[in-house]
Structure formats: structure tokens, C-alpha cells
Amino acid sequence: MTNKKTYPLIFDGHNDTLLALYELERGEGGSFFESSEIGHLDLPRAREGGFGGGFFAIFVPAPKKKKKKDEDSRSEPKKPYLLEQPQVKKAYAQKVTSGIMDLLFQIEEESKGQFKVIRTPAELETCLNDGILAAILHFEGAEVIEPDLSNLEQYYDQGLRSLGLTWSRTNAFAHGVPFGFPHSPDTGPGLTEKGRKLVLACNQLGIMIDLSHLNESGFWDVARLSNAPLVATHSAAYSLCPSSRNLTNEQLVTIAESDGIVGINFHKGFLREDGDFKAETSLVEIARHIDYVAEIIGIDHVALGSDFDGAKMPEDLGDAAGLPKLMAVLSAGGYDEQAMRKIAHENWQRVLNNTWKDSN
């Protein structure tokens, strides 16, 4: 009888599972507590894959519009290109966000202690030690925040601990980087005056700022303003895949200088040298980006940011249950036990400990 190798529990930088469940709940139904072949993450698959928790994003998609009869959905723009994203109205964003937050706290209540929305580093440590799935409430885009920031503290009191100033679209605070390949992340102006005030307010409250969908000018504005570690929860290395969503070497170095972190995105289109998200792709591509970022800025500044339920996964990973396969690749690539712990969760713990304020 052979013993199955165990790896450190993984704390992950990003998933869109709440939106997936929210849409299923309003349609054909779905449960976080039942194993499914749909999507990438639920409690049984998390347990199987050693997924100890992560940033559970609330993302507000643009309202769906009916296509015109003469609109050809099969056509794709010629490369290089940028795919501009429509903005969403604040009232609509707040309505959707409220509904998804209700779902998050419903999951916590129904879990009977198996799932917890965490607000402090101590709660994260307890959850990892006790096998409780830890969830950070994250807003992927600040459309729900009032321009005068009057509701920011209210969201903080409800559990908000991480905020992406933008998704890949413009809002009152910043300009998101549109999706483009091959294309530079330098796609427009930096933060607005309201955006600069939002950064300072997040610093004061202890809300982590996520830079993953922010354009390059906005990134540098945050780097100049923020007194917290710089974080990109689900990005990858531009030098290996020239997607507008990825980080240049200069950005990587600046993140490290702030004692920040990059969660490596698992999306095929942000990993592959050719940017092809339709081609069959190995999870070795994830390891390639981890290796590169670790070499450029050090093992203390790289972690995992899967983008489960929001991206195209490498086929030999599949879903959260496949995470031990990735850890096995990293182990075979020469990462020792200490390095594996850092990538899996310790780097996230350090950054959150240096970002969040004491709260009860």
C-alpha cells in the first residue's frame, strides 16, 4: 500500500464561483455543497484538491443584450486588438452585488461551520489550521462604491476586505485594462481624483487593493499613493505572454519592493506565449509563470490566483480537485517544502497581515 503525497493547503487569489452559483440559482439551480461537473469549484472538490480558501469575488457582468439578426457572433477582431467592455450603472451594480452577498452569507450559514467569511489574519490562520474553508469578500470593480465613498465603510462593516478598483472597464475611479493580445497594459489614463481618494480610504480602513484589472497608468498611480503592499490577485508575466492583462517586469519589481504579491492566473490565454485560450494547454504553463516570477522578484512574492469559474483552465488541471497535480509539478521542478508552503498560502498570510487593520 502506498501513501498518497500530501501538499500544503492552498489559499487562492481569485475565483468567480459566487457569480456562477448566483446565475445557476436564478436558473436551473446549483449548490456549493454538492460535487458538480459544472464549473471549477464547490466544497467537495475543494476538499479533494486541498483548496483551503481564497478571495471570493463579486463581479457584476454587464446586462445581456439581444444580438441583432445581422450580427455575426463567430467573427473575431484581427490581432493585435483590444476588446472594450461596456460600463455598468451604479444602481444595477449595487442590486447585483447585494444579491450575491446574500448568497455568500447564506453559504456561510448553511455550511454549519465548514465555510467562513474571514475578516482578520487570525481568522485565516484558524481556518487553515482547523480545515474550515476561508473566504475573503472581494469586489471585482468599484462600481458599487458611491463617488463620495459614503458607503465604503458600510461594505467594510459587512465584511469587504479586498477591492479591485476596476474590472476591465472604466468607472468613476479608474480605467480598467481592456483585453488585448498582443498588447501593452498601457491603455489609457490613470486614476481619477475620486480614485485617488478611494485608494487612501482603503489604506485607512485596511481594505486590500487588487491591481489585476487596472491599466498600467493606474497601477503606477496606486504604487505612488498606497502605503500597503501592492497586490495583483490573478495576473501573470507579460514577458512570457504579452497580454494586456499581464504584468511587465517593471511592475513585478515594484510589487516586490512593496513586499507585495502576484497570484498567478490559470487562464490559458494569459499563460500561453501565443495567447490562444482555445488550444489544449498543460498546467506546466502555470509552473512556467511561477518559475519566472519567482526568479525575477523572489519566492516571497508569488502565489496562486486561479480565476476558477471565470477562465479557461489547462485540461490536465481541470478544476479545484486537480490542484495536487499542479503541486506535484512544482515539487518535481525543485521547490522544497518551505517554498511550496509560501506559494500555497504563507505569502498570502504575510501580505494580509500587513494590509488589514485589527477588526472584530
Protein backbone atom coordinates (compact mmCIF):
# COMPACT_ATOMS: atom_id res chain seq x y z
CA MET A 1 0.00 0.00 0.00
CA THR A 2 1.41 3.40 -0.99
CA ASN A 3 0.73 6.62 0.86
CA LYS A 4 -0.64 9.49 -1.21
CA LYS A 5 1.64 12.51 -1.01
CA THR A 6 0.13 15.49 0.76
CA TYR A 7 0.80 19.13 -0.04
CA PRO A 8 0.23 22.37 1.87
CA LEU A 9 -3.31 23.74 1.85
CA ILE A 10 -3.84 26.26 -0.93
CA PHE A 11 -5.18 29.75 -0.35
CA ASP A 12 -6.14 31.14 -3.73
CA GLY A 13 -6.14 34.70 -5.05
CA HIS A 14 -9.34 34.70 -7.08
CA ASN A 15 -12.46 32.81 -8.08
CA ASP A 16 -15.78 33.76 -9.68
CA THR A 17 -17.73 30.92 -8.10
CA LEU A 18 -20.27 33.20 -6.41
CA LEU A 19 -21.41 34.64 -9.74
CA ALA A 20 -21.66 31.16 -11.22
CA LEU A 21 -23.80 29.99 -8.30
CA TYR A 22 -25.89 33.15 -8.39
CA GLU A 23 -26.71 32.64 -12.05
CA LEU A 24 -27.42 28.94 -11.54
CA GLU A 25 -29.63 29.66 -8.54
CA ARG A 26 -31.72 32.01 -10.63
CA GLY A 27 -31.94 29.44 -13.41
CA GLU A 28 -31.57 25.68 -13.17
CA GLY A 29 -30.26 25.56 -9.62
CA GLY A 30 -26.89 24.76 -8.08
CA SER A 31 -25.29 24.12 -4.71
CA PHE A 32 -21.84 24.87 -3.34
CA PHE A 33 -22.18 21.80 -1.12
CA GLU A 34 -22.64 19.25 -3.89
CA SER A 35 -19.95 17.99 -6.23
CA SER A 36 -20.66 19.01 -9.80
CA GLU A 37 -19.22 18.58 -13.26
CA ILE A 38 -20.18 22.19 -13.96
CA GLY A 39 -17.58 24.88 -13.30
CA HIS A 40 -14.44 24.51 -11.22
CA LEU A 41 -15.16 24.91 -7.53
CA ASP A 42 -17.52 23.56 -4.89
CA LEU A 43 -16.95 22.29 -1.35
CA PRO A 44 -16.38 18.60 -2.23
CA ARG A 45 -13.89 19.45 -4.98
CA ALA A 46 -12.18 21.97 -2.69
CA ARG A 47 -11.71 19.25 -0.08
CA GLU A 48 -10.39 16.82 -2.68
CA GLY A 49 -7.88 19.31 -4.06
CA GLY A 50 -6.59 20.78 -0.81
CA PHE A 51 -8.21 24.15 -1.51
CA GLY A 52 -8.27 25.84 1.89
CA GLY A 53 -9.92 29.07 0.81
CA GLY A 54 -9.42 32.22 -1.18
CA PHE A 55 -10.76 35.50 -2.46
CA PHE A 56 -14.41 35.00 -3.45
CA ALA A 57 -15.10 37.74 -5.97
CA ILE A 58 -18.32 39.58 -6.55
CA PHE A 59 -18.29 40.58 -10.19
CA VAL A 60 -21.14 42.46 -11.88
CA PRO A 61 -21.46 41.48 -15.54
CA ALA A 62 -23.00 43.92 -17.98
CA PRO A 63 -26.70 43.24 -18.63
CA LYS A 64 -27.10 40.86 -21.53
CA LYS A 65 -28.36 42.33 -24.77
CA LYS A 66 -30.10 40.51 -27.57
CA LYS A 67 -27.97 40.19 -30.68
CA LYS A 68 -29.10 41.77 -33.89
CA LYS A 69 -30.03 39.45 -36.72
CA ASP A 70 -27.10 40.55 -38.87
CA GLU A 71 -24.56 40.35 -36.04
CA ASP A 72 -22.05 37.57 -36.60
CA SER A 73 -21.04 36.18 -33.21
CA ARG A 74 -18.46 33.93 -34.84
CA SER A 75 -16.27 36.76 -36.10
CA GLU A 76 -13.22 37.80 -34.10
CA PRO A 77 -11.23 41.02 -34.35
CA LYS A 78 -7.86 40.87 -36.02
CA LYS A 79 -4.81 40.86 -33.77
CA PRO A 80 -3.46 42.98 -32.18
CA TYR A 81 -6.72 44.15 -30.70
CA LEU A 82 -8.37 45.47 -27.57
CA LEU A 83 -11.80 44.27 -26.52
CA GLU A 84 -13.52 47.25 -24.91
CA GLN A 85 -16.02 46.40 -22.18
CA PRO A 86 -19.32 48.23 -21.56
CA GLN A 87 -19.74 50.13 -18.32
CA VAL A 88 -22.49 49.29 -15.83
CA LYS A 89 -24.74 51.65 -13.93
CA LYS A 90 -24.21 52.02 -10.20
CA ALA A 91 -27.80 51.15 -9.19
CA TYR A 92 -27.65 47.94 -11.23
CA ALA A 93 -24.22 47.07 -9.80
CA GLN A 94 -25.46 47.60 -6.26
CA LYS A 95 -28.52 45.40 -6.84
CA VAL A 96 -26.46 42.51 -8.22
CA THR A 97 -23.81 42.91 -5.52
CA SER A 98 -26.44 42.80 -2.79
CA GLY A 99 -27.90 39.60 -4.21
CA ILE A 100 -24.52 37.88 -4.44
CA MET A 101 -23.54 39.00 -0.95
CA ASP A 102 -26.75 37.47 0.37
CA LEU A 103 -25.77 34.22 -1.33
CA LEU A 104 -22.27 34.31 0.19
CA PHE A 105 -23.57 34.71 3.72
CA GLN A 106 -26.25 32.09 3.07
CA ILE A 107 -23.50 29.62 2.15
CA GLU A 108 -21.67 30.51 5.35
CA GLU A 109 -24.79 29.94 7.45
CA GLU A 110 -25.75 26.68 5.76
CA SER A 111 -22.22 25.29 5.95
CA LYS A 112 -22.55 24.53 9.68
CA GLY A 113 -19.01 25.69 10.36
CA GLN A 114 -17.35 24.32 7.22
CA PHE A 115 -17.14 27.72 5.45
CA LYS A 116 -16.33 31.10 6.98
CA VAL A 117 -16.16 34.65 5.63
CA ILE A 118 -12.96 35.90 7.25
CA ARG A 119 -12.10 39.46 8.27
CA THR A 120 -8.77 39.15 10.10
CA PRO A 121 -5.43 37.36 9.62
CA ALA A 122 -6.12 35.45 12.84
CA GLU A 123 -9.34 34.06 11.38
CA LEU A 124 -7.46 32.93 8.28
CA GLU A 125 -4.88 31.11 10.36
CA THR A 126 -7.58 29.43 12.44
CA CYS A 127 -9.44 28.28 9.34
CA LEU A 128 -6.32 26.82 7.73
CA ASN A 129 -5.40 25.02 10.95
CA ASP A 130 -8.93 23.68 11.55
CA GLY A 131 -9.86 22.72 7.99
CA ILE A 132 -12.52 25.41 7.58
CA LEU A 133 -12.77 26.85 4.09
CA ALA A 134 -11.85 30.53 4.41
CA ALA A 135 -13.49 33.10 2.11
CA ILE A 136 -12.48 36.74 1.63
CA LEU A 137 -15.22 39.02 0.34
CA HIS A 138 -13.76 40.77 -2.71
CA PHE A 139 -15.38 43.27 -5.08
CA GLU A 140 -14.05 42.93 -8.62
CA GLY A 141 -14.63 46.51 -9.67
CA ALA A 142 -15.70 49.55 -7.64
CA GLU A 143 -18.92 50.37 -9.50
CA VAL A 144 -20.89 49.72 -6.31
CA ILE A 145 -18.98 52.37 -4.37
CA GLU A 146 -20.57 55.81 -4.22
CA PRO A 147 -18.37 58.51 -5.79
CA ASP A 148 -18.21 60.29 -2.42
CA LEU A 149 -17.23 56.95 -0.76
CA SER A 150 -20.22 57.24 1.59
CA ASN A 151 -20.98 53.50 1.50
CA LEU A 152 -17.41 52.16 1.59
CA GLU A 153 -17.31 51.80 5.38
CA GLN A 154 -20.72 50.13 5.32
CA TYR A 155 -19.38 47.46 2.96
CA TYR A 156 -16.32 47.11 5.18
CA ASP A 157 -18.55 46.50 8.19
CA GLN A 158 -20.35 43.81 6.19
CA GLY A 159 -17.07 42.03 5.53
CA LEU A 160 -15.42 43.64 2.48
CA ARG A 161 -11.67 43.16 2.80
CA SER A 162 -10.44 43.32 -0.80
CA LEU A 163 -11.35 45.66 -3.65
CA GLY A 164 -10.36 45.78 -7.29
CA LEU A 165 -10.60 49.42 -8.34
CA THR A 166 -11.76 48.21 -11.75
CA TRP A 167 -12.60 45.20 -13.77
CA SER A 168 -11.50 45.62 -17.41
CA ARG A 169 -13.71 48.66 -17.97
CA THR A 170 -13.90 52.30 -16.97
CA ASN A 171 -15.69 53.53 -13.85
CA ALA A 172 -15.73 56.68 -11.74
CA PHE A 173 -12.43 55.79 -10.09
CA ALA A 174 -10.15 54.26 -12.69
CA HIS A 175 -9.68 52.79 -16.14
CA GLY A 176 -9.55 49.03 -16.45
CA VAL A 177 -7.23 47.45 -18.96
CA PRO A 178 -9.24 46.09 -21.92
CA PHE A 179 -8.44 42.56 -23.03
CA GLY A 180 -5.84 42.55 -25.78
CA PHE A 181 -3.25 40.23 -27.29
CA PRO A 182 -0.60 41.04 -28.14
CA HIS A 183 -0.94 44.41 -26.48
CA SER A 184 0.72 46.56 -23.83
CA PRO A 185 -1.07 47.13 -20.49
CA ASP A 186 -0.52 50.85 -21.13
CA THR A 187 -4.01 51.54 -22.46
CA GLY A 188 -5.17 54.88 -21.10
CA PRO A 189 -5.14 57.45 -18.30
CA GLY A 190 -4.56 56.78 -14.62
CA LEU A 191 -6.78 57.14 -11.58
CA THR A 192 -9.37 59.87 -11.37
CA GLU A 193 -9.36 62.22 -8.39
CA LYS A 194 -12.12 60.06 -6.87
CA GLY A 195 -9.91 57.02 -7.46
CA ARG A 196 -7.01 58.56 -5.60
CA LYS A 197 -9.30 59.28 -2.64
CA LEU A 198 -10.57 55.69 -2.77
CA VAL A 199 -7.03 54.31 -2.54
CA LEU A 200 -6.32 56.40 0.57
CA ALA A 201 -9.65 55.40 2.13
CA CYS A 202 -8.91 51.71 1.55
CA ASN A 203 -5.50 52.14 3.17
CA GLN A 204 -7.11 53.78 6.19
CA LEU A 205 -9.75 51.07 6.62
CA GLY A 206 -7.46 48.16 5.82
CA ILE A 207 -9.09 47.04 2.59
CA MET A 208 -6.63 45.33 0.26
CA ILE A 209 -6.39 46.90 -3.21
CA ASP A 210 -6.24 44.49 -6.16
CA LEU A 211 -4.41 45.73 -9.27
CA SER A 212 -5.13 42.81 -11.59
CA HIS A 213 -7.57 44.53 -13.99
CA LEU A 214 -6.11 48.04 -13.71
CA ASN A 215 -4.29 49.63 -16.65
CA GLU A 216 -0.61 50.49 -16.36
CA SER A 217 -1.06 54.21 -15.64
CA GLY A 218 -3.49 53.34 -12.84
CA PHE A 219 -1.03 50.79 -11.48
CA TRP A 220 1.68 53.43 -11.16
CA ASP A 221 -0.74 55.86 -9.53
CA VAL A 222 -1.61 53.28 -6.86
CA ALA A 223 2.08 52.47 -6.38
CA ARG A 224 2.79 56.15 -5.65
CA LEU A 225 -0.22 56.62 -3.35
CA SER A 226 -0.67 53.41 -1.38
CA ASN A 227 1.11 52.62 1.87
CA ALA A 228 0.09 48.94 1.71
CA PRO A 229 1.72 46.03 -0.12
CA LEU A 230 0.88 46.07 -3.84
CA VAL A 231 -1.15 43.06 -4.92
CA ALA A 232 -2.28 41.54 -8.21
CA THR A 233 -4.52 38.66 -7.20
CA HIS A 234 -4.82 36.94 -10.58
CA SER A 235 -2.31 38.03 -13.20
CA ALA A 236 0.74 36.58 -14.95
CA ALA A 237 4.04 37.60 -16.55
CA TYR A 238 3.89 39.83 -19.63
CA SER A 239 7.36 38.70 -20.75
CA LEU A 240 6.03 35.15 -21.17
CA CYS A 241 2.60 36.08 -22.58
CA PRO A 242 2.15 39.61 -23.98
CA SER A 243 -1.47 40.03 -22.89
CA SER A 244 -2.63 43.46 -21.77
CA ARG A 245 -3.81 41.76 -18.55
CA ASN A 246 -0.31 40.65 -17.56
CA LEU A 247 2.42 42.43 -15.59
CA THR A 248 5.65 43.82 -17.01
CA ASN A 249 8.97 43.18 -15.31
CA GLU A 250 8.94 46.76 -14.02
CA GLN A 251 5.56 46.20 -12.40
CA LEU A 252 6.71 42.91 -10.89
CA VAL A 253 9.77 44.54 -9.33
CA THR A 254 7.67 47.36 -7.88
CA ILE A 255 5.27 44.84 -6.33
CA ALA A 256 8.19 43.06 -4.68
CA GLU A 257 9.68 46.33 -3.41
CA SER A 258 6.39 46.97 -1.59
CA ASP A 259 6.55 43.45 -0.07
CA GLY A 260 3.51 42.60 -2.17
CA ILE A 261 2.43 39.55 -4.14
CA VAL A 262 1.29 38.23 -7.51
CA GLY A 263 -1.25 35.42 -7.69
CA ILE A 264 -0.59 33.55 -10.93
CA ASN A 265 -3.71 33.30 -13.08
CA PHE A 266 -4.55 29.87 -14.53
CA HIS A 267 -6.34 31.22 -17.63
CA LYS A 268 -4.85 29.66 -20.74
CA GLY A 269 -4.94 32.93 -22.67
CA PHE A 270 -2.79 34.68 -20.04
CA LEU A 271 -0.29 31.82 -19.84
CA ARG A 272 0.48 30.71 -23.39
CA GLU A 273 3.11 32.50 -25.46
CA ASP A 274 0.63 32.67 -28.34
CA GLY A 275 -2.29 33.83 -26.17
CA ASP A 276 -4.53 31.08 -27.57
CA PHE A 277 -7.18 30.24 -24.95
CA LYS A 278 -8.80 27.64 -27.21
CA ALA A 279 -5.75 25.43 -27.66
CA GLU A 280 -5.07 22.41 -25.47
CA THR A 281 -2.79 23.60 -22.70
CA SER A 282 -0.79 21.90 -19.95
CA LEU A 283 -0.65 23.04 -16.35
CA VAL A 284 3.11 23.17 -16.91
CA GLU A 285 2.33 26.64 -18.32
CA ILE A 286 1.24 27.73 -14.82
CA ALA A 287 4.51 26.46 -13.38
CA ARG A 288 6.41 28.35 -16.11
CA HIS A 289 4.96 31.66 -14.89
CA ILE A 290 5.53 30.78 -11.24
CA ASP A 291 9.16 29.96 -12.04
CA TYR A 292 9.63 33.21 -13.93
CA VAL A 293 8.09 35.48 -11.30
CA ALA A 294 9.98 33.72 -8.52
CA GLU A 295 13.23 34.18 -10.44
CA ILE A 296 12.58 37.87 -11.16
CA ILE A 297 11.31 39.01 -7.74
CA GLY A 298 11.74 36.11 -5.32
CA ILE A 299 9.71 33.25 -3.92
CA ASP A 300 8.18 35.50 -1.24
CA HIS A 301 6.19 37.41 -3.85
CA VAL A 302 4.46 34.71 -5.88
CA ALA A 303 1.32 32.72 -5.10
CA LEU A 304 -1.71 31.24 -6.84
CA GLY A 305 -4.65 33.19 -8.31
CA SER A 306 -6.61 30.58 -10.23
CA ASP A 307 -9.59 32.52 -11.60
CA PHE A 308 -11.70 29.39 -11.09
CA ASP A 309 -15.17 29.71 -12.65
CA GLY A 310 -14.04 32.77 -14.58
CA ALA A 311 -11.43 31.43 -17.01
CA LYS A 312 -10.35 28.57 -19.27
CA MET A 313 -8.31 26.08 -17.24
CA PRO A 314 -5.49 23.86 -18.56
CA GLU A 315 -7.02 20.50 -19.41
CA ASP A 316 -4.73 18.44 -17.16
CA LEU A 317 -5.69 20.60 -14.18
CA GLY A 318 -9.43 20.59 -14.81
CA ASP A 319 -10.81 22.13 -11.63
CA ALA A 320 -10.07 22.60 -7.93
CA ALA A 321 -9.82 18.85 -7.42
CA GLY A 322 -6.80 18.86 -9.74
CA LEU A 323 -4.68 21.22 -7.63
CA PRO A 324 -2.46 18.38 -6.28
CA LYS A 325 -1.36 17.80 -9.89
CA LEU A 326 -0.04 21.36 -10.03
CA MET A 327 1.69 21.00 -6.68
CA ALA A 328 3.30 17.79 -7.92
CA VAL A 329 4.67 19.63 -10.95
CA LEU A 330 6.12 22.33 -8.70
CA SER A 331 7.64 19.71 -6.40
CA ALA A 332 9.18 17.90 -9.35
CA GLY A 333 10.53 21.23 -10.56
CA GLY A 334 12.67 21.62 -7.46
CA TYR A 335 10.54 23.61 -4.99
CA ASP A 336 11.23 22.41 -1.46
CA GLU A 337 8.66 22.14 1.33
CA GLN A 338 9.24 25.68 2.58
CA ALA A 339 8.85 27.19 -0.91
CA MET A 340 5.71 25.15 -1.51
CA ARG A 341 4.16 26.48 1.70
CA LYS A 342 4.95 30.04 0.68
CA ILE A 343 3.36 29.63 -2.76
CA ALA A 344 0.39 27.74 -1.34
CA HIS A 345 -0.65 30.11 1.44
CA GLU A 346 2.08 31.67 3.58
CA ASN A 347 2.78 34.57 1.21
CA TRP A 348 -0.91 35.46 1.21
CA GLN A 349 -0.95 35.31 5.00
CA ARG A 350 2.00 37.71 5.27
CA VAL A 351 0.51 40.24 2.86
CA LEU A 352 -2.90 40.20 4.51
CA ASN A 353 -1.32 40.53 7.94
CA ASN A 354 0.49 43.66 6.67
CA THR A 355 -2.61 45.10 4.97
CA TRP A 356 -5.64 44.52 7.16
CA LYS A 357 -6.32 46.51 10.28
CA ASP A 358 -7.33 44.87 13.53
CA SER A 359 -11.09 44.32 13.47
CA ASN A 360 -13.63 42.18 15.27
